[in-house]
Amino acid sequence: MLTTEKNIRTMEAFRMQNLEQITKRLDELLNDYITKDGAAAGMAVGIVYNREPVYAKGFGVKNKETGAPVDGNTLFHMASISKTYVATAVMQLVERGQINLDEKVTAYLPYFRLEDPRYQQITIRHLLTHTSGMPDEDDYEWDRPQLDEGALERYVRSVWNRELLWHPGQGT
């Protein structure tokens, strides 16, 4: 039994040593990328191993004007890449039977209302496939993110005066 425990500890030490080498090299590469290449003002990078965060570090600045540095906990707007995460989460709920793709949005968000009466036909599927007819957002509020519990409802209620660009399910 001691041999097995010793082997496990040795293997784990080897993995951690490799992780240290990898993160050291990653630090070098990302610092070079930010400082020499100037490709990005700043970024945060995280690595999860065995469901545990083993690396979280920031590089560069989050605000060029103030020079405030990025750290491992800096929040970034994900923009269009968030669609992948949202769609994945929704489909997981579909798999669990908690959401029906063809159910009306108002079944899940009863406070969703538009002046355009066609809004009542918008389904979850329409939202995921960009065929709801909803226009693009004019102001994404990048400079003033809302992160509190009531943010979703406030946003949904704020779009009441939007007119659909097409009948739900018809456009792309």
C-alpha atoms as a PDB file:
ATOM      1  CA  MET A   1       0.000   0.000   0.000  1.00  0.00           C
ATOM      2  CA  LEU A   2       2.809   2.433   0.771  1.00  0.00           C
ATOM      3  CA  THR A   3       4.305   1.815  -2.650  1.00  0.00           C
ATOM      4  CA  THR A   4       1.020   2.716  -4.317  1.00  0.00           C
ATOM      5  CA  GLU A   5       0.621   5.863  -2.235  1.00  0.00           C
ATOM      6  CA  LYS A   6       4.236   6.784  -2.929  1.00  0.00           C
ATOM      7  CA  ASN A   7       3.730   6.230  -6.666  1.00  0.00           C
ATOM      8  CA  ILE A   8       0.608   8.379  -6.635  1.00  0.00           C
ATOM      9  CA  ARG A   9       2.439  11.158  -4.782  1.00  0.00           C
ATOM     10  CA  THR A  10       5.359  10.877  -7.225  1.00  0.00           C
ATOM     11  CA  MET A  11       3.026  11.028 -10.221  1.00  0.00           C
ATOM     12  CA  GLU A  12       1.230  14.026  -8.762  1.00  0.00           C
ATOM     13  CA  ALA A  13       4.550  15.770  -8.054  1.00  0.00           C
ATOM     14  CA  PHE A  14       5.595  15.078 -11.649  1.00  0.00           C
ATOM     15  CA  ARG A  15       2.321  16.522 -12.930  1.00  0.00           C
ATOM     16  CA  MET A  16       2.711  19.603 -10.745  1.00  0.00           C
ATOM     17  CA  GLN A  17       6.311  20.022 -11.917  1.00  0.00           C
ATOM     18  CA  ASN A  18       5.096  19.820 -15.511  1.00  0.00           C
ATOM     19  CA  LEU A  19       2.342  22.289 -14.682  1.00  0.00           C
ATOM     20  CA  GLU A  20       4.900  24.676 -13.217  1.00  0.00           C
ATOM     21  CA  GLN A  21       7.007  24.387 -16.375  1.00  0.00           C
ATOM     22  CA  ILE A  22       3.953  24.899 -18.564  1.00  0.00           C
ATOM     23  CA  THR A  23       2.717  27.925 -16.629  1.00  0.00           C
ATOM     24  CA  LYS A  24       6.199  29.463 -16.579  1.00  0.00           C
ATOM     25  CA  ARG A  25       6.393  29.128 -20.365  1.00  0.00           C
ATOM     26  CA  LEU A  26       2.834  30.402 -20.692  1.00  0.00           C
ATOM     27  CA  ASP A  27       3.739  33.476 -18.623  1.00  0.00           C
ATOM     28  CA  GLU A  28       6.667  34.175 -20.962  1.00  0.00           C
ATOM     29  CA  LEU A  29       4.613  33.738 -24.133  1.00  0.00           C
ATOM     30  CA  LEU A  30       1.690  35.843 -22.964  1.00  0.00           C
ATOM     31  CA  ASN A  31       3.882  38.613 -21.589  1.00  0.00           C
ATOM     32  CA  ASP A  32       5.683  38.727 -24.936  1.00  0.00           C
ATOM     33  CA  TYR A  33       2.365  38.739 -26.772  1.00  0.00           C
ATOM     34  CA  ILE A  34       1.089  41.696 -24.774  1.00  0.00           C
ATOM     35  CA  THR A  35       4.294  43.744 -24.522  1.00  0.00           C
ATOM     36  CA  LYS A  36       6.081  43.069 -27.802  1.00  0.00           C
ATOM     37  CA  ASP A  37       3.350  42.287 -30.271  1.00  0.00           C
ATOM     38  CA  GLY A  38       0.838  44.747 -28.857  1.00  0.00           C
ATOM     39  CA  ALA A  39      -1.921  42.572 -30.262  1.00  0.00           C
ATOM     40  CA  ALA A  40      -4.124  43.106 -27.220  1.00  0.00           C
ATOM     41  CA  ALA A  41      -4.199  45.620 -24.399  1.00  0.00           C
ATOM     42  CA  GLY A  42      -4.871  42.916 -21.856  1.00  0.00           C
ATOM     43  CA  MET A  43      -6.169  39.437 -21.222  1.00  0.00           C
ATOM     44  CA  ALA A  44      -6.867  36.972 -18.439  1.00  0.00           C
ATOM     45  CA  VAL A  45      -6.002  33.294 -18.747  1.00  0.00           C
ATOM     46  CA  GLY A  46      -7.179  30.419 -16.601  1.00  0.00           C
ATOM     47  CA  ILE A  47      -6.394  26.716 -16.527  1.00  0.00           C
ATOM     48  CA  VAL A  48      -8.551  24.145 -14.771  1.00  0.00           C
ATOM     49  CA  TYR A  49      -7.144  20.696 -13.977  1.00  0.00           C
ATOM     50  CA  ASN A  50      -9.237  17.961 -12.392  1.00  0.00           C
ATOM     51  CA  ARG A  51     -12.032  20.497 -11.899  1.00  0.00           C
ATOM     52  CA  GLU A  52      -9.758  22.752  -9.874  1.00  0.00           C
ATOM     53  CA  PRO A  53      -8.337  26.075 -11.032  1.00  0.00           C
ATOM     54  CA  VAL A  54      -4.564  25.692 -11.134  1.00  0.00           C
ATOM     55  CA  TYR A  55      -3.701  28.901 -12.948  1.00  0.00           C
ATOM     56  CA  ALA A  56      -5.381  32.289 -13.171  1.00  0.00           C
ATOM     57  CA  LYS A  57      -3.372  35.280 -14.228  1.00  0.00           C
ATOM     58  CA  GLY A  58      -3.810  38.609 -15.939  1.00  0.00           C
ATOM     59  CA  PHE A  59      -1.586  40.236 -18.520  1.00  0.00           C
ATOM     60  CA  GLY A  60      -1.520  43.822 -19.718  1.00  0.00           C
ATOM     61  CA  VAL A  61      -4.050  46.483 -18.791  1.00  0.00           C
ATOM     62  CA  LYS A  62      -7.830  46.555 -18.600  1.00  0.00           C
ATOM     63  CA  ASN A  63      -7.945  50.297 -19.162  1.00  0.00           C
ATOM     64  CA  LYS A  64      -5.364  51.995 -21.366  1.00  0.00           C
ATOM     65  CA  GLU A  65      -6.182  55.425 -19.943  1.00  0.00           C
ATOM     66  CA  THR A  66      -5.705  54.522 -16.283  1.00  0.00           C
ATOM     67  CA  GLY A  67      -3.209  51.710 -16.766  1.00  0.00           C
ATOM     68  CA  ALA A  68      -5.201  49.515 -14.374  1.00  0.00           C
ATOM     69  CA  PRO A  69      -3.733  46.019 -14.695  1.00  0.00           C
ATOM     70  CA  VAL A  70      -5.635  42.899 -15.662  1.00  0.00           C
ATOM     71  CA  ASP A  71      -5.635  40.184 -13.005  1.00  0.00           C
ATOM     72  CA  GLY A  72      -6.926  36.634 -12.903  1.00  0.00           C
ATOM     73  CA  ASN A  73     -10.358  37.872 -11.804  1.00  0.00           C
ATOM     74  CA  THR A  74     -10.853  40.668 -14.326  1.00  0.00           C
ATOM     75  CA  LEU A  75     -14.208  40.480 -16.082  1.00  0.00           C
ATOM     76  CA  PHE A  76     -14.361  40.886 -19.845  1.00  0.00           C
ATOM     77  CA  HIS A  77     -17.311  41.281 -22.171  1.00  0.00           C
ATOM     78  CA  MET A  78     -17.479  38.091 -24.164  1.00  0.00           C
ATOM     79  CA  ALA A  79     -19.541  39.569 -26.999  1.00  0.00           C
ATOM     80  CA  SER A  80     -20.585  37.030 -29.609  1.00  0.00           C
ATOM     81  CA  ILE A  81     -18.676  34.142 -28.065  1.00  0.00           C
ATOM     82  CA  SER A  82     -21.231  34.139 -25.247  1.00  0.00           C
ATOM     83  CA  LYS A  83     -23.739  32.724 -27.744  1.00  0.00           C
ATOM     84  CA  THR A  84     -21.878  29.411 -27.621  1.00  0.00           C
ATOM     85  CA  TYR A  85     -22.140  29.239 -23.840  1.00  0.00           C
ATOM     86  CA  VAL A  86     -25.785  30.290 -23.772  1.00  0.00           C
ATOM     87  CA  ALA A  87     -26.762  27.788 -26.469  1.00  0.00           C
ATOM     88  CA  THR A  88     -24.888  25.007 -24.661  1.00  0.00           C
ATOM     89  CA  ALA A  89     -26.566  25.832 -21.347  1.00  0.00           C
ATOM     90  CA  VAL A  90     -30.004  25.993 -22.977  1.00  0.00           C
ATOM     91  CA  MET A  91     -29.485  22.651 -24.712  1.00  0.00           C
ATOM     92  CA  GLN A  92     -28.441  21.096 -21.396  1.00  0.00           C
ATOM     93  CA  LEU A  93     -31.740  22.320 -19.954  1.00  0.00           C
ATOM     94  CA  VAL A  94     -33.527  20.838 -22.973  1.00  0.00           C
ATOM     95  CA  GLU A  95     -31.811  17.479 -22.348  1.00  0.00           C
ATOM     96  CA  ARG A  96     -32.999  17.587 -18.734  1.00  0.00           C
ATOM     97  CA  GLY A  97     -36.533  18.368 -19.841  1.00  0.00           C
ATOM     98  CA  GLN A  98     -36.510  21.780 -18.155  1.00  0.00           C
ATOM     99  CA  ILE A  99     -36.926  23.812 -21.353  1.00  0.00           C
ATOM    100  CA  ASN A 100     -38.820  23.075 -24.552  1.00  0.00           C
ATOM    101  CA  LEU A 101     -37.241  24.628 -27.644  1.00  0.00           C
ATOM    102  CA  ASP A 102     -40.636  25.177 -29.236  1.00  0.00           C
ATOM    103  CA  GLU A 103     -42.230  26.805 -26.197  1.00  0.00           C
ATOM    104  CA  LYS A 104     -42.957  30.521 -26.336  1.00  0.00           C
ATOM    105  CA  VAL A 105     -40.410  32.753 -24.614  1.00  0.00           C
ATOM    106  CA  THR A 106     -43.234  34.237 -22.538  1.00  0.00           C
ATOM    107  CA  ALA A 107     -43.707  30.847 -20.846  1.00  0.00           C
ATOM    108  CA  TYR A 108     -40.279  31.307 -19.242  1.00  0.00           C
ATOM    109  CA  LEU A 109     -40.123  35.108 -19.126  1.00  0.00           C
ATOM    110  CA  PRO A 110     -43.715  36.243 -18.523  1.00  0.00           C
ATOM    111  CA  TYR A 111     -42.565  39.862 -18.325  1.00  0.00           C
ATOM    112  CA  PHE A 112     -41.290  39.730 -21.938  1.00  0.00           C
ATOM    113  CA  ARG A 113     -43.538  42.130 -23.864  1.00  0.00           C
ATOM    114  CA  LEU A 114     -43.198  44.155 -27.051  1.00  0.00           C
ATOM    115  CA  GLU A 115     -45.471  46.716 -28.661  1.00  0.00           C
ATOM    116  CA  ASP A 116     -45.292  44.506 -31.757  1.00  0.00           C
ATOM    117  CA  PRO A 117     -47.905  41.779 -31.100  1.00  0.00           C
ATOM    118  CA  ARG A 118     -45.884  39.211 -33.062  1.00  0.00           C
ATOM    119  CA  TYR A 119     -43.587  38.884 -30.047  1.00  0.00           C
ATOM    120  CA  GLN A 120     -46.064  36.382 -28.600  1.00  0.00           C
ATOM    121  CA  GLN A 121     -44.974  33.853 -31.245  1.00  0.00           C
ATOM    122  CA  ILE A 122     -41.239  33.969 -30.421  1.00  0.00           C
ATOM    123  CA  THR A 123     -39.929  30.604 -29.202  1.00  0.00           C
ATOM    124  CA  ILE A 124     -36.693  29.559 -27.560  1.00  0.00           C
ATOM    125  CA  ARG A 125     -35.699  27.952 -30.874  1.00  0.00           C
ATOM    126  CA  HIS A 126     -36.213  31.282 -32.668  1.00  0.00           C
ATOM    127  CA  LEU A 127     -33.864  32.990 -30.215  1.00  0.00           C
ATOM    128  CA  LEU A 128     -31.189  30.307 -30.568  1.00  0.00           C
ATOM    129  CA  THR A 129     -31.360  30.327 -34.379  1.00  0.00           C
ATOM    130  CA  HIS A 130     -31.541  34.121 -34.728  1.00  0.00           C
ATOM    131  CA  THR A 131     -34.930  33.895 -36.422  1.00  0.00           C
ATOM    132  CA  SER A 132     -36.987  35.688 -33.759  1.00  0.00           C
ATOM    133  CA  GLY A 133     -37.152  38.946 -35.685  1.00  0.00           C
ATOM    134  CA  MET A 134     -35.679  40.872 -32.753  1.00  0.00           C
ATOM    135  CA  PRO A 135     -33.469  43.740 -33.928  1.00  0.00           C
ATOM    136  CA  ASP A 136     -29.847  43.976 -32.857  1.00  0.00           C
ATOM    137  CA  GLU A 137     -29.051  45.937 -29.725  1.00  0.00           C
ATOM    138  CA  ASP A 138     -28.181  49.611 -30.242  1.00  0.00           C
ATOM    139  CA  ASP A 139     -26.194  50.023 -27.036  1.00  0.00           C
ATOM    140  CA  TYR A 140     -24.506  47.007 -25.496  1.00  0.00           C
ATOM    141  CA  GLU A 141     -23.549  49.072 -22.429  1.00  0.00           C
ATOM    142  CA  TRP A 142     -19.978  47.753 -22.480  1.00  0.00           C
ATOM    143  CA  ASP A 143     -18.973  50.606 -20.210  1.00  0.00           C
ATOM    144  CA  ARG A 144     -21.630  49.906 -17.575  1.00  0.00           C
ATOM    145  CA  PRO A 145     -22.281  46.173 -17.214  1.00  0.00           C
ATOM    146  CA  GLN A 146     -25.177  45.080 -15.050  1.00  0.00           C
ATOM    147  CA  LEU A 147     -24.273  41.997 -13.056  1.00  0.00           C
ATOM    148  CA  ASP A 148     -26.845  41.896 -10.282  1.00  0.00           C
ATOM    149  CA  GLU A 149     -29.721  39.435  -9.923  1.00  0.00           C
ATOM    150  CA  GLY A 150     -32.307  41.780 -11.432  1.00  0.00           C
ATOM    151  CA  ALA A 151     -30.289  42.603 -14.563  1.00  0.00           C
ATOM    152  CA  LEU A 152     -31.993  40.076 -16.859  1.00  0.00           C
ATOM    153  CA  GLU A 153     -35.506  41.185 -15.979  1.00  0.00           C
ATOM    154  CA  ARG A 154     -34.609  44.888 -16.289  1.00  0.00           C
ATOM    155  CA  TYR A 155     -33.101  44.284 -19.713  1.00  0.00           C
ATOM    156  CA  VAL A 156     -36.036  42.194 -20.957  1.00  0.00           C
ATOM    157  CA  ARG A 157     -38.482  44.851 -19.761  1.00  0.00           C
ATOM    158  CA  SER A 158     -36.427  47.597 -21.432  1.00  0.00           C
ATOM    159  CA  VAL A 159     -36.970  46.262 -24.966  1.00  0.00           C
ATOM    160  CA  TRP A 160     -40.765  46.740 -24.901  1.00  0.00           C
ATOM    161  CA  ASN A 161     -40.702  49.372 -27.655  1.00  0.00           C
ATOM    162  CA  ARG A 162     -38.836  47.253 -30.223  1.00  0.00           C
ATOM    163  CA  GLU A 163     -40.507  46.335 -33.464  1.00  0.00           C
ATOM    164  CA  LEU A 164     -39.706  42.953 -34.949  1.00  0.00           C
ATOM    165  CA  LEU A 165     -37.834  43.007 -38.247  1.00  0.00           C
ATOM    166  CA  TRP A 166     -39.780  39.990 -39.538  1.00  0.00           C
ATOM    167  CA  HIS A 167     -42.326  37.448 -38.417  1.00  0.00           C
ATOM    168  CA  PRO A 168     -40.769  35.016 -35.901  1.00  0.00           C
ATOM    169  CA  GLY A 169     -39.288  31.987 -37.647  1.00  0.00           C
ATOM    170  CA  GLN A 170     -39.115  33.660 -41.062  1.00  0.00           C
ATOM    171  CA  GLY A 171     -35.819  35.532 -41.162  1.00  0.00           C
ATOM    172  CA  THR A 172     -32.169  34.827 -40.632  1.00  0.00           C
END
